[in-house]
Every structure is written in C-alpha cells, then in structure tokens.
Amino acid sequence: MKRLVALALTFFCALSFAGPDDVNFSQRNSTDTGNINRIPTHPATPGLLSYDSTALLPVWVTLGSGLTINSGVLALTATPVNADWNASSGLAQILNKPSIPAAQVNSDWAAASGVAQILNKPTIPAAQVNSDWNASTGVAAILNKPTIPAAFNFGAPNVRSLAVGTAFQATDTTKAAIVTVSPQCTAAITLSGGSTCTLQARVGATGVTCSTGTVVGTWTNGNTGTLTIGLALNQTVGGPGSINLPAGAFAILCATSGTFTVPNAVDQSAG
C-alpha cells in the first residue's frame, strides 16, 4: 500500500512541472525497481529527442544552421557555393590548398634574376673566323708565324775586279752568289817543250788562304811539244768557270803553276 502511495505522489509531482505540449516519458530507474516519469523541456525551435549518456536522461537537441525537418524528413537546407581559392572562411573556403609555384616562362640568356634567369651559364668563346696572315690581334691573328724567305731569284750581275791570291766575298754578303771568272795564264815555251798552267779556286768560312779552305774548282792548260814557229806567251785557260759561294763565305783564286790574271769576273746573288 505504501508503495502505491509513493508512486502516486511521484506521478502527481511530475505532472505539476509539466507544461503545455511537453512530452512525458516513463524511464526505468537505475535499480530497475520502478519507472520514473520524465518531462524534458521542449525546445522553442524544431529539434530531435536524444539521450544524454552522461546524465542518463532524455534531452531535446535543436537543429543547427542549414538543417530542417520537412514532412518528417531531416533535410540540409544550406545552398552549395562555388569553391573560392581566395576565401578564408565559410563553405567557399578550400582547405589544405597546395602551394603552386610561379608560372614558368621561357629562359632568357640575358636575364640576371627571376625565373627566366639561366643559372651556371657556360662561357662561350667568340665566333671563329678565317685566319688572316696580316692580322696582328683578335681571333683572326696567326700566332708564331714563320719567317718566309723571299721568292728565289738571281740578282743583277756585278762586275768584279779580282786578284789572284787575294780572298774576296760576294757583293751582297747576306746572300749566296755565283761568281763567274775567266782566268788567263802566261806560260813559258822553249825549244824542248812548254809548261803547264794550273789555277785553283778555294772557298772557306773566314780568312781563306791558298793553304786553307776547300778546293771547289781547278783550271789547267798544258803547253806540250817543241817550239817550231813563233812564240806564244799568253793563253786563256779553258772557258769561264763558276764558283758557288755561300752567303758570307770567302773565296780565293790560287795559281799552283804559271802566272794568272783574271781580266773578266762577275757575281750574281742567288736567293
């Protein structure tokens, strides 16, 4: 009987706190020995009934922005918007945007900064050109050019006055020369026979004499037989002869027998 009275009192106390349109719930107590009447305060806006696992009570929850209940259906009422790269809040904001590098451009050899600059450019030498013998500077100049001698030619003849037994040089001592001589000898002729005329040409580097240098030519004329008619004292020894004289060298004409003169002599430079 006491238990029924307690339940009745509890029921009437609960009803005393209820308001218009409140929802009345019956919840089993924690000891599972009876029921407790629950009347959670209803919200002023549409909501849903939820269970609070901490307080162990039924509660009303209201709908947040963008949610509605339409004909018993929970609906999302927020209007979708286009994503905005520049937005920093709201539905248009793009979260976790990647970092996009600057736009690429064509490389510029002359650029000194920026993305168009070419780093670690190689040093490119000047364009090659045809070599120029006369150029003294620049890439066209030829280094260590050899000295090219003048084209070979003979110089003009020079008349020489040469004495037998006296060393001589070419008129132009800087060049080789060809010395052409026409020697003449004086020989004795007797009733029993004649003597022989011999002339040597010697060439040497310096101060050549009739006992030095190298013999490069010999003129010989013999007077043999006996004197029958007349007497000939002067004779030309053969024809003209040539001496090849190196540049700066000396030559000498030496009589080894007979007496010689050189009435005609010329030299010509060669080279």
C-alpha atoms as a PDB file:
ATOM      1  CA  MET A   1       0.000   0.000   0.000  1.00  0.00           C
ATOM      2  CA  LYS A   2       2.840   2.395   0.859  1.00  0.00           C
ATOM      3  CA  ARG A   3       4.492   1.683  -2.449  1.00  0.00           C
ATOM      4  CA  LEU A   4       1.393   2.600  -4.401  1.00  0.00           C
ATOM      5  CA  VAL A   5       1.069   5.845  -2.460  1.00  0.00           C
ATOM      6  CA  ALA A   6       4.708   6.742  -3.247  1.00  0.00           C
ATOM      7  CA  LEU A   7       4.219   6.128  -6.928  1.00  0.00           C
ATOM      8  CA  ALA A   8       1.079   8.198  -6.989  1.00  0.00           C
ATOM      9  CA  LEU A   9       2.805  11.092  -5.252  1.00  0.00           C
ATOM     10  CA  THR A  10       5.710  10.909  -7.698  1.00  0.00           C
ATOM     11  CA  PHE A  11       3.311  10.927 -10.638  1.00  0.00           C
ATOM     12  CA  PHE A  12       1.425  13.946  -9.401  1.00  0.00           C
ATOM     13  CA  CYS A  13       4.678  15.821  -8.597  1.00  0.00           C
ATOM     14  CA  ALA A  14       5.937  15.213 -12.106  1.00  0.00           C
ATOM     15  CA  LEU A  15       2.694  16.392 -13.589  1.00  0.00           C
ATOM     16  CA  SER A  16       2.951  19.579 -11.565  1.00  0.00           C
ATOM     17  CA  PHE A  17       6.147  20.564 -13.517  1.00  0.00           C
ATOM     18  CA  ALA A  18       4.795  19.765 -16.970  1.00  0.00           C
ATOM     19  CA  GLY A  19       3.748  22.481 -19.397  1.00  0.00           C
ATOM     20  CA  PRO A  20       1.618  22.708 -22.485  1.00  0.00           C
ATOM     21  CA  ASP A  21       2.794  20.484 -25.339  1.00  0.00           C
ATOM     22  CA  ASP A  22       5.507  18.846 -23.189  1.00  0.00           C
ATOM     23  CA  VAL A  23       6.261  15.206 -23.896  1.00  0.00           C
ATOM     24  CA  ASN A  24       6.015  12.870 -20.947  1.00  0.00           C
ATOM     25  CA  PHE A  25       8.418   9.859 -20.789  1.00  0.00           C
ATOM     26  CA  SER A  26       8.490   6.892 -18.486  1.00  0.00           C
ATOM     27  CA  GLN A  27      12.107   5.867 -17.686  1.00  0.00           C
ATOM     28  CA  ARG A  28      13.139   2.838 -15.680  1.00  0.00           C
ATOM     29  CA  ASN A  29      15.106   3.767 -12.562  1.00  0.00           C
ATOM     30  CA  SER A  30      18.778   2.814 -12.087  1.00  0.00           C
ATOM     31  CA  THR A  31      17.960  -0.024  -9.681  1.00  0.00           C
ATOM     32  CA  ASP A  32      15.431  -1.436 -12.092  1.00  0.00           C
ATOM     33  CA  THR A  33      12.742  -1.468  -9.378  1.00  0.00           C
ATOM     34  CA  GLY A  34      10.360   1.014 -10.873  1.00  0.00           C
ATOM     35  CA  ASN A  35       9.622   3.671 -13.502  1.00  0.00           C
ATOM     36  CA  ILE A  36      10.339   7.409 -13.342  1.00  0.00           C
ATOM     37  CA  ASN A  37       8.269   9.902 -15.257  1.00  0.00           C
ATOM     38  CA  ARG A  38      10.470  12.263 -17.359  1.00  0.00           C
ATOM     39  CA  ILE A  39       9.291  15.523 -18.938  1.00  0.00           C
ATOM     40  CA  PRO A  40      12.258  17.222 -20.720  1.00  0.00           C
ATOM     41  CA  THR A  41      11.607  20.864 -21.546  1.00  0.00           C
ATOM     42  CA  HIS A  42      10.684  21.067 -25.174  1.00  0.00           C
ATOM     43  CA  PRO A  43      12.735  23.449 -27.414  1.00  0.00           C
ATOM     44  CA  ALA A  44      11.359  26.608 -28.951  1.00  0.00           C
ATOM     45  CA  THR A  45      12.613  25.526 -32.384  1.00  0.00           C
ATOM     46  CA  PRO A  46      12.376  22.226 -34.220  1.00  0.00           C
ATOM     47  CA  GLY A  47      14.566  19.555 -32.711  1.00  0.00           C
ATOM     48  CA  LEU A  48      15.187  15.886 -32.106  1.00  0.00           C
ATOM     49  CA  LEU A  49      14.947  13.784 -28.965  1.00  0.00           C
ATOM     50  CA  SER A  50      18.343  12.450 -27.886  1.00  0.00           C
ATOM     51  CA  TYR A  51      19.779  10.502 -24.997  1.00  0.00           C
ATOM     52  CA  ASP A  52      22.493  12.046 -22.819  1.00  0.00           C
ATOM     53  CA  SER A  53      24.792   9.160 -21.897  1.00  0.00           C
ATOM     54  CA  THR A  54      26.465  11.249 -19.207  1.00  0.00           C
ATOM     55  CA  ALA A  55      23.353  12.404 -17.361  1.00  0.00           C
ATOM     56  CA  LEU A  56      21.473   9.236 -18.326  1.00  0.00           C
ATOM     57  CA  LEU A  57      18.490  11.364 -19.311  1.00  0.00           C
ATOM     58  CA  PRO A  58      16.461  12.034 -22.433  1.00  0.00           C
ATOM     59  CA  VAL A  59      17.084  15.540 -23.865  1.00  0.00           C
ATOM     60  CA  TRP A  60      15.933  17.619 -26.779  1.00  0.00           C
ATOM     61  CA  VAL A  61      18.524  18.833 -29.318  1.00  0.00           C
ATOM     62  CA  THR A  62      17.823  21.638 -31.738  1.00  0.00           C
ATOM     63  CA  LEU A  63      18.753  21.758 -35.401  1.00  0.00           C
ATOM     64  CA  GLY A  64      21.803  23.760 -36.371  1.00  0.00           C
ATOM     65  CA  SER A  65      22.158  26.164 -39.284  1.00  0.00           C
ATOM     66  CA  GLY A  66      21.339  24.556 -42.617  1.00  0.00           C
ATOM     67  CA  LEU A  67      19.232  21.680 -41.192  1.00  0.00           C
ATOM     68  CA  THR A  68      15.438  21.494 -41.297  1.00  0.00           C
ATOM     69  CA  ILE A  69      12.704  18.924 -40.741  1.00  0.00           C
ATOM     70  CA  ASN A  70      10.323  18.881 -43.651  1.00  0.00           C
ATOM     71  CA  SER A  71       7.362  16.459 -43.510  1.00  0.00           C
ATOM     72  CA  GLY A  72       9.221  14.322 -41.044  1.00  0.00           C
ATOM     73  CA  VAL A  73      12.416  14.299 -43.132  1.00  0.00           C
ATOM     74  CA  LEU A  74      15.666  15.835 -41.904  1.00  0.00           C
ATOM     75  CA  ALA A  75      16.985  17.958 -44.776  1.00  0.00           C
ATOM     76  CA  LEU A  76      20.093  20.018 -45.488  1.00  0.00           C
ATOM     77  CA  THR A  77      18.989  23.490 -46.452  1.00  0.00           C
ATOM     78  CA  ALA A  78      22.411  25.142 -46.958  1.00  0.00           C
ATOM     79  CA  THR A  79      22.888  26.244 -50.584  1.00  0.00           C
ATOM     80  CA  PRO A  80      26.104  24.892 -52.161  1.00  0.00           C
ATOM     81  CA  VAL A  81      28.516  27.565 -53.352  1.00  0.00           C
ATOM     82  CA  ASN A  82      31.411  27.543 -55.785  1.00  0.00           C
ATOM     83  CA  ALA A  83      34.778  26.942 -54.188  1.00  0.00           C
ATOM     84  CA  ASP A  84      36.790  30.162 -53.937  1.00  0.00           C
ATOM     85  CA  TRP A  85      40.584  29.924 -53.924  1.00  0.00           C
ATOM     86  CA  ASN A  86      40.806  33.280 -52.135  1.00  0.00           C
ATOM     87  CA  ALA A  87      38.140  32.517 -49.478  1.00  0.00           C
ATOM     88  CA  SER A  88      39.485  32.178 -45.934  1.00  0.00           C
ATOM     89  CA  SER A  89      36.210  31.075 -44.251  1.00  0.00           C
ATOM     90  CA  GLY A  90      32.750  29.686 -44.989  1.00  0.00           C
ATOM     91  CA  LEU A  91      31.616  26.963 -47.343  1.00  0.00           C
ATOM     92  CA  ALA A  92      33.516  28.507 -50.268  1.00  0.00           C
ATOM     93  CA  GLN A  93      36.854  28.127 -48.475  1.00  0.00           C
ATOM     94  CA  ILE A  94      39.209  25.490 -49.878  1.00  0.00           C
ATOM     95  CA  LEU A  95      41.028  23.666 -47.115  1.00  0.00           C
ATOM     96  CA  ASN A  96      44.589  22.347 -47.365  1.00  0.00           C
ATOM     97  CA  LYS A  97      45.333  24.180 -50.584  1.00  0.00           C
ATOM     98  CA  PRO A  98      48.648  23.124 -52.198  1.00  0.00           C
ATOM     99  CA  SER A  99      51.397  25.679 -52.810  1.00  0.00           C
ATOM    100  CA  ILE A 100      51.550  26.358 -56.538  1.00  0.00           C
ATOM    101  CA  PRO A 101      54.909  27.559 -57.897  1.00  0.00           C
ATOM    102  CA  ALA A 102      55.164  30.652 -60.025  1.00  0.00           C
ATOM    103  CA  ALA A 103      54.237  30.274 -63.679  1.00  0.00           C
ATOM    104  CA  GLN A 104      57.059  29.099 -65.913  1.00  0.00           C
ATOM    105  CA  VAL A 105      58.476  31.362 -68.603  1.00  0.00           C
ATOM    106  CA  ASN A 106      60.945  30.956 -71.451  1.00  0.00           C
ATOM    107  CA  SER A 107      64.567  31.042 -70.321  1.00  0.00           C
ATOM    108  CA  ASP A 108      66.324  34.315 -71.091  1.00  0.00           C
ATOM    109  CA  TRP A 109      70.117  34.298 -71.578  1.00  0.00           C
ATOM    110  CA  ALA A 110      70.303  37.993 -70.679  1.00  0.00           C
ATOM    111  CA  ALA A 111      68.133  37.770 -67.526  1.00  0.00           C
ATOM    112  CA  ALA A 112      70.011  38.425 -64.279  1.00  0.00           C
ATOM    113  CA  SER A 113      67.197  37.446 -61.887  1.00  0.00           C
ATOM    114  CA  GLY A 114      63.769  35.813 -61.721  1.00  0.00           C
ATOM    115  CA  VAL A 115      62.524  32.514 -63.112  1.00  0.00           C
ATOM    116  CA  ALA A 116      63.698  33.443 -66.622  1.00  0.00           C
ATOM    117  CA  GLN A 117      67.331  33.587 -65.464  1.00  0.00           C
ATOM    118  CA  ILE A 118      69.641  30.791 -66.638  1.00  0.00           C
ATOM    119  CA  LEU A 119      71.972  29.696 -63.851  1.00  0.00           C
ATOM    120  CA  ASN A 120      75.553  28.481 -64.342  1.00  0.00           C
ATOM    121  CA  LYS A 121      75.714  29.648 -67.945  1.00  0.00           C
ATOM    122  CA  PRO A 122      78.852  28.445 -69.780  1.00  0.00           C
ATOM    123  CA  THR A 123      81.348  30.921 -71.168  1.00  0.00           C
ATOM    124  CA  ILE A 124      81.016  30.766 -74.948  1.00  0.00           C
ATOM    125  CA  PRO A 125      84.106  31.796 -76.940  1.00  0.00           C
ATOM    126  CA  ALA A 126      83.902  34.284 -79.749  1.00  0.00           C
ATOM    127  CA  ALA A 127      82.790  33.000 -83.121  1.00  0.00           C
ATOM    128  CA  GLN A 128      85.582  31.557 -85.229  1.00  0.00           C
ATOM    129  CA  VAL A 129      86.765  33.417 -88.310  1.00  0.00           C
ATOM    130  CA  ASN A 130      89.139  32.698 -91.175  1.00  0.00           C
ATOM    131  CA  SER A 131      92.781  33.152 -90.243  1.00  0.00           C
ATOM    132  CA  ASP A 132      94.351  36.319 -91.636  1.00  0.00           C
ATOM    133  CA  TRP A 133      98.106  36.385 -92.270  1.00  0.00           C
ATOM    134  CA  ASN A 134      98.125  40.186 -91.931  1.00  0.00           C
ATOM    135  CA  ALA A 135      96.065  40.343 -88.697  1.00  0.00           C
ATOM    136  CA  SER A 136      98.048  41.240 -85.571  1.00  0.00           C
ATOM    137  CA  THR A 137      95.218  40.968 -82.995  1.00  0.00           C
ATOM    138  CA  GLY A 138      91.955  39.101 -82.455  1.00  0.00           C
ATOM    139  CA  VAL A 139      90.955  35.534 -83.280  1.00  0.00           C
ATOM    140  CA  ALA A 140      91.977  36.001 -86.928  1.00  0.00           C
ATOM    141  CA  ALA A 141      95.638  36.607 -85.988  1.00  0.00           C
ATOM    142  CA  ILE A 142      98.039  33.717 -86.672  1.00  0.00           C
ATOM    143  CA  LEU A 143     100.430  33.125 -83.781  1.00  0.00           C
ATOM    144  CA  ASN A 144     104.079  32.139 -84.187  1.00  0.00           C
ATOM    145  CA  LYS A 145     104.103  32.744 -87.925  1.00  0.00           C
ATOM    146  CA  PRO A 146     107.302  31.519 -89.589  1.00  0.00           C
ATOM    147  CA  THR A 147     109.502  33.944 -91.468  1.00  0.00           C
ATOM    148  CA  ILE A 148     109.081  33.119 -95.126  1.00  0.00           C
ATOM    149  CA  PRO A 149     112.063  33.996 -97.297  1.00  0.00           C
ATOM    150  CA  ALA A 150     111.596  35.964-100.460  1.00  0.00           C
ATOM    151  CA  ALA A 151     110.994  34.042-103.670  1.00  0.00           C
ATOM    152  CA  PHE A 152     114.178  32.615-105.169  1.00  0.00           C
ATOM    153  CA  ASN A 153     115.734  34.793-107.842  1.00  0.00           C
ATOM    154  CA  PHE A 154     119.090  35.807-109.226  1.00  0.00           C
ATOM    155  CA  GLY A 155     120.391  39.310-108.657  1.00  0.00           C
ATOM    156  CA  ALA A 156     121.776  41.575-111.350  1.00  0.00           C
ATOM    157  CA  PRO A 157     125.361  40.791-112.427  1.00  0.00           C
ATOM    158  CA  ASN A 158     128.069  42.797-110.659  1.00  0.00           C
ATOM    159  CA  VAL A 159     131.387  43.310-112.461  1.00  0.00           C
ATOM    160  CA  ARG A 160     134.246  42.355-110.152  1.00  0.00           C
ATOM    161  CA  SER A 161     137.950  43.100-110.171  1.00  0.00           C
ATOM    162  CA  LEU A 162     139.646  40.058-108.691  1.00  0.00           C
ATOM    163  CA  ALA A 163     143.329  39.480-107.959  1.00  0.00           C
ATOM    164  CA  VAL A 164     144.881  36.018-107.856  1.00  0.00           C
ATOM    165  CA  GLY A 165     145.939  35.131-104.302  1.00  0.00           C
ATOM    166  CA  THR A 166     143.566  37.640-102.642  1.00  0.00           C
ATOM    167  CA  ALA A 167     140.444  36.431-100.829  1.00  0.00           C
ATOM    168  CA  PHE A 168     137.115  38.029-101.761  1.00  0.00           C
ATOM    169  CA  GLN A 169     133.398  37.875-100.944  1.00  0.00           C
ATOM    170  CA  ALA A 170     130.240  38.343-102.956  1.00  0.00           C
ATOM    171  CA  THR A 171     128.983  41.858-103.500  1.00  0.00           C
ATOM    172  CA  ASP A 172     125.922  41.052-101.294  1.00  0.00           C
ATOM    173  CA  THR A 173     127.353  39.060 -98.396  1.00  0.00           C
ATOM    174  CA  THR A 174     123.866  38.299 -96.998  1.00  0.00           C
ATOM    175  CA  LYS A 175     123.049  36.026 -99.917  1.00  0.00           C
ATOM    176  CA  ALA A 176     124.646  33.130-101.701  1.00  0.00           C
ATOM    177  CA  ALA A 177     126.258  34.080-105.012  1.00  0.00           C
ATOM    178  CA  ILE A 178     127.550  32.595-108.239  1.00  0.00           C
ATOM    179  CA  VAL A 179     130.954  34.012-109.157  1.00  0.00           C
ATOM    180  CA  THR A 180     131.923  33.579-112.822  1.00  0.00           C
ATOM    181  CA  VAL A 181     135.613  34.057-113.668  1.00  0.00           C
ATOM    182  CA  SER A 182     137.640  33.869-116.938  1.00  0.00           C
ATOM    183  CA  PRO A 183     141.265  33.340-115.871  1.00  0.00           C
ATOM    184  CA  GLN A 184     144.248  33.809-118.200  1.00  0.00           C
ATOM    185  CA  CYS A 185     147.753  32.465-117.709  1.00  0.00           C
ATOM    186  CA  THR A 186     151.224  33.312-119.008  1.00  0.00           C
ATOM    187  CA  ALA A 187     153.392  30.213-119.656  1.00  0.00           C
ATOM    188  CA  ALA A 188     156.926  29.746-120.937  1.00  0.00           C
ATOM    189  CA  ILE A 189     157.607  27.767-124.113  1.00  0.00           C
ATOM    190  CA  THR A 190     161.095  26.542-125.030  1.00  0.00           C
ATOM    191  CA  LEU A 191     162.544  24.581-127.918  1.00  0.00           C
ATOM    192  CA  SER A 192     162.221  21.431-125.885  1.00  0.00           C
ATOM    193  CA  GLY A 193     158.656  21.908-124.694  1.00  0.00           C
ATOM    194  CA  GLY A 194     156.157  24.023-122.643  1.00  0.00           C
ATOM    195  CA  SER A 195     154.973  24.423-119.048  1.00  0.00           C
ATOM    196  CA  THR A 196     151.519  23.803-117.542  1.00  0.00           C
ATOM    197  CA  CYS A 197     149.193  26.499-116.070  1.00  0.00           C
ATOM    198  CA  THR A 198     147.056  25.392-113.057  1.00  0.00           C
ATOM    199  CA  LEU A 199     144.645  27.578-111.063  1.00  0.00           C
ATOM    200  CA  GLN A 200     142.613  26.510-108.006  1.00  0.00           C
ATOM    201  CA  ALA A 201     139.505  28.064-106.531  1.00  0.00           C
ATOM    202  CA  ARG A 202     139.120  27.662-102.754  1.00  0.00           C
ATOM    203  CA  VAL A 203     136.143  28.506-100.510  1.00  0.00           C
ATOM    204  CA  GLY A 204     136.204  28.950 -96.730  1.00  0.00           C
ATOM    205  CA  ALA A 205     134.207  30.483 -93.931  1.00  0.00           C
ATOM    206  CA  THR A 206     136.640  33.197 -92.884  1.00  0.00           C
ATOM    207  CA  GLY A 207     140.041  34.447 -93.970  1.00  0.00           C
ATOM    208  CA  VAL A 208     140.593  31.719 -96.557  1.00  0.00           C
ATOM    209  CA  THR A 209     144.114  31.432 -97.999  1.00  0.00           C
ATOM    210  CA  CYS A 210     145.787  29.294-100.649  1.00  0.00           C
ATOM    211  CA  SER A 211     146.514  26.705 -97.965  1.00  0.00           C
ATOM    212  CA  THR A 212     143.092  26.685 -96.264  1.00  0.00           C
ATOM    213  CA  GLY A 213     139.511  26.278 -97.287  1.00  0.00           C
ATOM    214  CA  THR A 214     138.139  23.717 -99.711  1.00  0.00           C
ATOM    215  CA  VAL A 215     139.170  23.369-103.349  1.00  0.00           C
ATOM    216  CA  VAL A 216     135.991  23.713-105.404  1.00  0.00           C
ATOM    217  CA  GLY A 217     137.486  24.068-108.911  1.00  0.00           C
ATOM    218  CA  THR A 218     140.702  23.748-110.928  1.00  0.00           C
ATOM    219  CA  TRP A 219     141.664  25.265-114.283  1.00  0.00           C
ATOM    220  CA  THR A 220     144.547  23.616-116.173  1.00  0.00           C
ATOM    221  CA  ASN A 221     146.189  24.319-119.559  1.00  0.00           C
ATOM    222  CA  GLY A 222     149.343  22.473-120.716  1.00  0.00           C
ATOM    223  CA  ASN A 223     151.856  23.648-123.352  1.00  0.00           C
ATOM    224  CA  THR A 224     153.469  20.448-124.671  1.00  0.00           C
ATOM    225  CA  GLY A 225     155.579  19.836-127.753  1.00  0.00           C
ATOM    226  CA  THR A 226     158.527  21.906-129.174  1.00  0.00           C
ATOM    227  CA  LEU A 227     158.823  25.422-130.475  1.00  0.00           C
ATOM    228  CA  THR A 228     158.737  25.450-134.267  1.00  0.00           C
ATOM    229  CA  ILE A 229     157.277  28.715-135.444  1.00  0.00           C
ATOM    230  CA  GLY A 230     156.770  31.787-133.259  1.00  0.00           C
ATOM    231  CA  LEU A 231     156.329  32.108-129.514  1.00  0.00           C
ATOM    232  CA  ALA A 232     153.006  32.355-127.546  1.00  0.00           C
ATOM    233  CA  LEU A 233     153.334  33.734-124.038  1.00  0.00           C
ATOM    234  CA  ASN A 234     149.671  34.441-123.055  1.00  0.00           C
ATOM    235  CA  GLN A 235     146.892  31.824-123.155  1.00  0.00           C
ATOM    236  CA  THR A 236     143.285  31.664-121.955  1.00  0.00           C
ATOM    237  CA  VAL A 237     142.867  28.676-119.671  1.00  0.00           C
ATOM    238  CA  GLY A 238     139.711  26.950-120.895  1.00  0.00           C
ATOM    239  CA  GLY A 239     136.378  28.757-120.804  1.00  0.00           C
ATOM    240  CA  PRO A 240     134.785  30.750-117.964  1.00  0.00           C
ATOM    241  CA  GLY A 241     134.244  28.858-114.689  1.00  0.00           C
ATOM    242  CA  SER A 242     131.780  29.323-111.844  1.00  0.00           C
ATOM    243  CA  ILE A 243     132.191  29.287-108.084  1.00  0.00           C
ATOM    244  CA  ASN A 244     129.131  28.716-105.872  1.00  0.00           C
ATOM    245  CA  LEU A 245     129.769  30.953-102.883  1.00  0.00           C
ATOM    246  CA  PRO A 246     127.652  30.531 -99.717  1.00  0.00           C
ATOM    247  CA  ALA A 247     126.296  33.639 -98.006  1.00  0.00           C
ATOM    248  CA  GLY A 248     129.054  35.382 -96.041  1.00  0.00           C
ATOM    249  CA  ALA A 249     131.765  32.959 -97.223  1.00  0.00           C
ATOM    250  CA  PHE A 250     135.144  33.830 -98.713  1.00  0.00           C
ATOM    251  CA  ALA A 251     136.790  32.584-101.931  1.00  0.00           C
ATOM    252  CA  ILE A 252     140.318  32.833-103.306  1.00  0.00           C
ATOM    253  CA  LEU A 253     141.978  32.016-106.658  1.00  0.00           C
ATOM    254  CA  CYS A 254     145.385  30.376-106.230  1.00  0.00           C
ATOM    255  CA  ALA A 255     147.932  29.708-109.031  1.00  0.00           C
ATOM    256  CA  THR A 256     149.786  26.455-108.432  1.00  0.00           C
ATOM    257  CA  SER A 257     151.764  26.766-111.692  1.00  0.00           C
ATOM    258  CA  GLY A 258     152.089  29.524-114.223  1.00  0.00           C
ATOM    259  CA  THR A 259     151.197  33.178-113.859  1.00  0.00           C
ATOM    260  CA  PHE A 260     147.473  34.084-113.863  1.00  0.00           C
ATOM    261  CA  THR A 261     145.338  37.156-114.216  1.00  0.00           C
ATOM    262  CA  VAL A 262     141.531  37.485-114.120  1.00  0.00           C
ATOM    263  CA  PRO A 263     140.584  40.007-116.781  1.00  0.00           C
ATOM    264  CA  ASN A 264     136.827  39.212-116.516  1.00  0.00           C
ATOM    265  CA  ALA A 265     134.745  38.356-113.419  1.00  0.00           C
ATOM    266  CA  VAL A 266     131.131  38.925-112.327  1.00  0.00           C
ATOM    267  CA  ASP A 267     128.964  37.752-109.432  1.00  0.00           C
ATOM    268  CA  GLN A 268     125.207  37.331-109.094  1.00  0.00           C
ATOM    269  CA  SER A 269     123.329  36.893-105.832  1.00  0.00           C
ATOM    270  CA  ALA A 270     121.089  33.836-105.659  1.00  0.00           C
ATOM    271  CA  GLY A 271     118.039  33.540-103.434  1.00  0.00           C
END
